[in-house]
């Protein structure tokens, strides 16, 4: 079964190209119609999403350090430097 779901963005009755800027404009156009409860829920969701992204970014940085030059097993320790 093929998924044929599509997203179309219309602003002022005109279909807009799918871009970051146009998505933000479309999202912002809905804000005046949301209730305070909606906005609070959205705020909580956004905070959770940002926290998750920050954790993933930190994990990626740790992984990058593990696999970047100089590799942990090739770093000379101070006592190794004295013997050379």
N, C-alpha and C. Protein backbone atom coordinates (compact mmCIF):
# COMPACT_ATOMS: atom_id res chain seq x y z
N UNK A 1 0.84 -1.18 0.00
CA UNK A 1 0.00 0.00 0.00
C UNK A 1 0.89 1.24 0.00
N UNK A 2 0.70 2.09 -0.92
CA UNK A 2 1.53 3.30 -1.08
C UNK A 2 0.91 4.48 -0.35
N UNK A 3 1.75 5.20 0.39
CA UNK A 3 1.28 6.38 1.12
C UNK A 3 1.27 7.58 0.18
N UNK A 4 0.11 8.16 -0.03
CA UNK A 4 0.00 9.29 -0.95
C UNK A 4 -0.32 10.59 -0.21
N UNK A 5 0.06 10.65 1.08
CA UNK A 5 -0.20 11.85 1.88
C UNK A 5 0.68 12.99 1.35
N UNK A 6 0.09 14.16 1.25
CA UNK A 6 0.84 15.33 0.81
C UNK A 6 0.53 16.50 1.72
N UNK A 7 1.44 17.43 1.77
CA UNK A 7 1.25 18.65 2.54
C UNK A 7 1.29 19.81 1.55
N UNK A 8 0.27 20.63 1.62
CA UNK A 8 0.23 21.81 0.77
C UNK A 8 0.03 23.02 1.66
N UNK A 9 0.78 24.08 1.39
CA UNK A 9 0.68 25.30 2.18
C UNK A 9 0.05 26.38 1.32
N UNK A 10 -1.06 26.93 1.82
CA UNK A 10 -1.74 28.01 1.13
C UNK A 10 -1.70 29.25 2.01
N UNK A 11 -1.26 30.34 1.45
CA UNK A 11 -1.27 31.62 2.15
C UNK A 11 -2.00 32.62 1.26
N UNK A 12 -3.03 33.22 1.81
CA UNK A 12 -3.88 34.15 1.06
C UNK A 12 -4.39 33.52 -0.23
N UNK A 13 -4.79 32.24 -0.14
CA UNK A 13 -5.39 31.56 -1.28
C UNK A 13 -4.41 31.09 -2.34
N UNK A 14 -3.12 31.32 -2.13
CA UNK A 14 -2.12 30.90 -3.11
C UNK A 14 -1.28 29.77 -2.53
N UNK A 15 -1.07 28.73 -3.34
CA UNK A 15 -0.21 27.64 -2.87
C UNK A 15 1.23 28.11 -2.84
N UNK A 16 1.87 27.88 -1.69
CA UNK A 16 3.25 28.33 -1.50
C UNK A 16 4.20 27.13 -1.63
N UNK A 17 5.42 27.42 -2.04
CA UNK A 17 6.43 26.37 -2.09
C UNK A 17 6.70 25.86 -0.69
N UNK A 18 7.05 24.58 -0.59
CA UNK A 18 7.35 23.94 0.68
C UNK A 18 8.74 24.36 1.11
N UNK A 19 8.82 25.35 1.99
CA UNK A 19 10.11 25.83 2.49
C UNK A 19 9.98 26.13 3.97
N UNK A 20 11.10 26.25 4.64
CA UNK A 20 11.11 26.55 6.07
C UNK A 20 10.38 27.86 6.33
N UNK A 21 10.70 28.88 5.58
CA UNK A 21 10.08 30.20 5.77
C UNK A 21 8.56 30.13 5.59
N UNK A 22 8.10 29.43 4.58
CA UNK A 22 6.65 29.34 4.34
C UNK A 22 5.95 28.49 5.41
N UNK A 23 6.63 27.45 5.91
CA UNK A 23 6.03 26.66 6.99
C UNK A 23 5.86 27.53 8.23
N UNK A 24 6.86 28.33 8.57
CA UNK A 24 6.77 29.21 9.74
C UNK A 24 5.64 30.22 9.56
N UNK A 25 5.51 30.80 8.37
CA UNK A 25 4.42 31.75 8.11
C UNK A 25 3.07 31.08 8.29
N UNK A 26 2.93 29.84 7.81
CA UNK A 26 1.66 29.13 7.93
C UNK A 26 1.35 28.82 9.40
N UNK A 27 2.35 28.37 10.14
CA UNK A 27 2.16 28.07 11.57
C UNK A 27 1.78 29.34 12.32
N UNK A 28 2.51 30.43 12.07
CA UNK A 28 2.23 31.69 12.76
C UNK A 28 0.84 32.22 12.47
N UNK A 29 0.31 31.92 11.30
CA UNK A 29 -1.02 32.42 10.95
C UNK A 29 -2.11 31.74 11.78
N UNK A 30 -1.82 30.57 12.40
CA UNK A 30 -2.80 29.88 13.23
C UNK A 30 -2.82 30.37 14.67
N UNK A 31 -1.77 31.00 15.14
CA UNK A 31 -1.67 31.38 16.55
C UNK A 31 -2.85 32.20 17.07
N UNK A 32 -3.35 33.18 16.33
CA UNK A 32 -4.47 33.98 16.88
C UNK A 32 -5.73 33.15 17.15
N UNK A 33 -5.87 32.00 16.53
CA UNK A 33 -7.07 31.18 16.67
C UNK A 33 -6.96 30.13 17.77
N UNK A 34 -5.78 30.02 18.40
CA UNK A 34 -5.56 29.02 19.43
C UNK A 34 -5.94 29.57 20.81
N UNK A 35 -6.42 28.68 21.65
CA UNK A 35 -6.75 29.08 23.02
C UNK A 35 -5.48 29.10 23.85
N UNK A 36 -5.58 29.67 25.04
CA UNK A 36 -4.44 29.66 25.95
C UNK A 36 -4.02 28.24 26.30
N UNK A 37 -4.99 27.36 26.48
CA UNK A 37 -4.66 25.96 26.75
C UNK A 37 -3.90 25.33 25.58
N UNK A 38 -4.33 25.64 24.37
CA UNK A 38 -3.61 25.16 23.18
C UNK A 38 -2.17 25.66 23.18
N UNK A 39 -2.02 26.95 23.47
CA UNK A 39 -0.69 27.56 23.47
C UNK A 39 0.19 26.96 24.57
N UNK A 40 -0.40 26.70 25.75
CA UNK A 40 0.36 26.07 26.84
C UNK A 40 0.80 24.67 26.46
N UNK A 41 -0.09 23.92 25.84
CA UNK A 41 0.25 22.56 25.40
C UNK A 41 1.35 22.60 24.35
N UNK A 42 1.24 23.52 23.42
CA UNK A 42 2.25 23.66 22.37
C UNK A 42 3.60 24.07 22.97
N UNK A 43 3.55 24.97 23.94
CA UNK A 43 4.77 25.42 24.60
C UNK A 43 5.47 24.25 25.30
N UNK A 44 4.68 23.42 25.99
CA UNK A 44 5.24 22.24 26.67
C UNK A 44 5.85 21.28 25.66
N UNK A 45 5.15 21.06 24.55
CA UNK A 45 5.65 20.17 23.50
C UNK A 45 6.96 20.70 22.93
N UNK A 46 7.02 21.99 22.67
CA UNK A 46 8.22 22.60 22.11
C UNK A 46 9.39 22.49 23.09
N UNK A 47 9.13 22.73 24.37
CA UNK A 47 10.18 22.60 25.39
C UNK A 47 10.72 21.18 25.45
N UNK A 48 9.81 20.21 25.41
CA UNK A 48 10.22 18.81 25.43
C UNK A 48 11.05 18.47 24.20
N UNK A 49 10.61 18.94 23.05
CA UNK A 49 11.33 18.69 21.81
C UNK A 49 12.73 19.31 21.84
N UNK A 50 12.84 20.52 22.35
CA UNK A 50 14.14 21.19 22.45
C UNK A 50 15.07 20.44 23.41
N UNK A 51 14.53 19.98 24.55
CA UNK A 51 15.33 19.21 25.50
C UNK A 51 15.85 17.93 24.86
N UNK A 52 14.97 17.24 24.14
CA UNK A 52 15.37 16.00 23.46
C UNK A 52 16.46 16.28 22.42
N UNK A 53 16.29 17.33 21.64
CA UNK A 53 17.30 17.67 20.64
C UNK A 53 18.64 18.00 21.28
N UNK A 54 18.61 18.72 22.41
CA UNK A 54 19.84 19.08 23.11
C UNK A 54 20.56 17.83 23.60
N UNK A 55 19.80 16.88 24.16
CA UNK A 55 20.40 15.62 24.62
C UNK A 55 21.01 14.85 23.45
N UNK A 56 20.30 14.79 22.33
CA UNK A 56 20.81 14.09 21.15
C UNK A 56 22.06 14.77 20.61
N UNK A 57 22.08 16.10 20.64
CA UNK A 57 23.25 16.85 20.19
C UNK A 57 24.45 16.55 21.08
N UNK A 58 24.23 16.51 22.40
CA UNK A 58 25.32 16.18 23.32
C UNK A 58 25.84 14.78 23.09
N UNK A 59 24.94 13.81 22.86
CA UNK A 59 25.36 12.45 22.58
C UNK A 59 26.16 12.38 21.28
N UNK A 60 25.74 13.13 20.29
CA UNK A 60 26.45 13.15 19.01
C UNK A 60 27.85 13.74 19.17
N UNK A 61 27.96 14.77 20.00
CA UNK A 61 29.28 15.36 20.23
C UNK A 61 30.21 14.37 20.94
N UNK A 62 29.68 13.61 21.89
CA UNK A 62 30.48 12.59 22.58
C UNK A 62 30.92 11.53 21.59
N UNK A 63 30.01 11.07 20.74
CA UNK A 63 30.36 10.07 19.74
C UNK A 63 31.41 10.59 18.76
N UNK A 64 31.28 11.85 18.40
CA UNK A 64 32.26 12.45 17.48
C UNK A 64 33.63 12.48 18.12
N UNK A 65 33.69 12.84 19.39
CA UNK A 65 34.98 12.87 20.10
C UNK A 65 35.59 11.48 20.19
N UNK A 66 34.75 10.45 20.36
CA UNK A 66 35.25 9.08 20.44
C UNK A 66 35.91 8.65 19.13
N UNK A 67 35.39 9.14 18.02
CA UNK A 67 35.83 8.65 16.71
C UNK A 67 36.61 9.68 15.92
N UNK A 68 37.06 10.73 16.58
CA UNK A 68 37.82 11.77 15.89
C UNK A 68 39.29 11.69 16.27
N UNK A 69 40.13 12.22 15.43
CA UNK A 69 41.56 12.26 15.68
C UNK A 69 41.86 13.31 16.72
N UNK A 70 42.70 13.16 17.68
CA UNK A 70 43.41 11.90 17.96
C UNK A 70 42.47 10.93 18.66
N UNK A 71 42.57 9.67 18.23
CA UNK A 71 41.75 8.64 18.83
C UNK A 71 42.16 8.44 20.27
N UNK A 72 41.21 8.11 21.15
CA UNK A 72 41.55 7.98 22.58
C UNK A 72 42.73 7.05 22.85
N UNK A 73 42.86 5.98 22.08
CA UNK A 73 43.95 5.05 22.34
C UNK A 73 45.30 5.51 21.75
N UNK A 74 45.30 6.63 21.03
CA UNK A 74 46.57 7.13 20.47
C UNK A 74 47.07 8.37 21.20
N UNK A 75 46.31 8.87 22.15
CA UNK A 75 46.73 10.05 22.90
C UNK A 75 47.85 9.64 23.85
N UNK A 76 48.97 10.34 23.77
CA UNK A 76 50.09 10.03 24.64
C UNK A 76 49.83 10.59 26.03
N UNK A 77 50.05 9.75 27.01
CA UNK A 77 49.91 10.15 28.40
C UNK A 77 51.21 10.84 28.84
N UNK A 78 51.17 11.67 29.88
CA UNK A 78 52.38 12.39 30.32
C UNK A 78 53.56 11.46 30.57
N UNK A 79 53.32 10.29 31.17
CA UNK A 79 54.46 9.38 31.43
C UNK A 79 55.03 8.81 30.14
N UNK A 80 54.22 8.66 29.11
CA UNK A 80 54.72 8.19 27.81
C UNK A 80 55.58 9.26 27.16
N UNK A 81 55.23 10.51 27.35
CA UNK A 81 56.00 11.61 26.76
C UNK A 81 57.40 11.68 27.40
N UNK A 82 57.49 11.41 28.70
CA UNK A 82 58.77 11.47 29.40
C UNK A 82 59.71 10.37 28.92
N UNK A 83 59.17 9.22 28.52
CA UNK A 83 59.98 8.08 28.09
C UNK A 83 60.48 8.24 26.66
N UNK A 84 59.90 9.12 25.89
CA UNK A 84 60.29 9.28 24.48
C UNK A 84 61.51 10.12 24.32
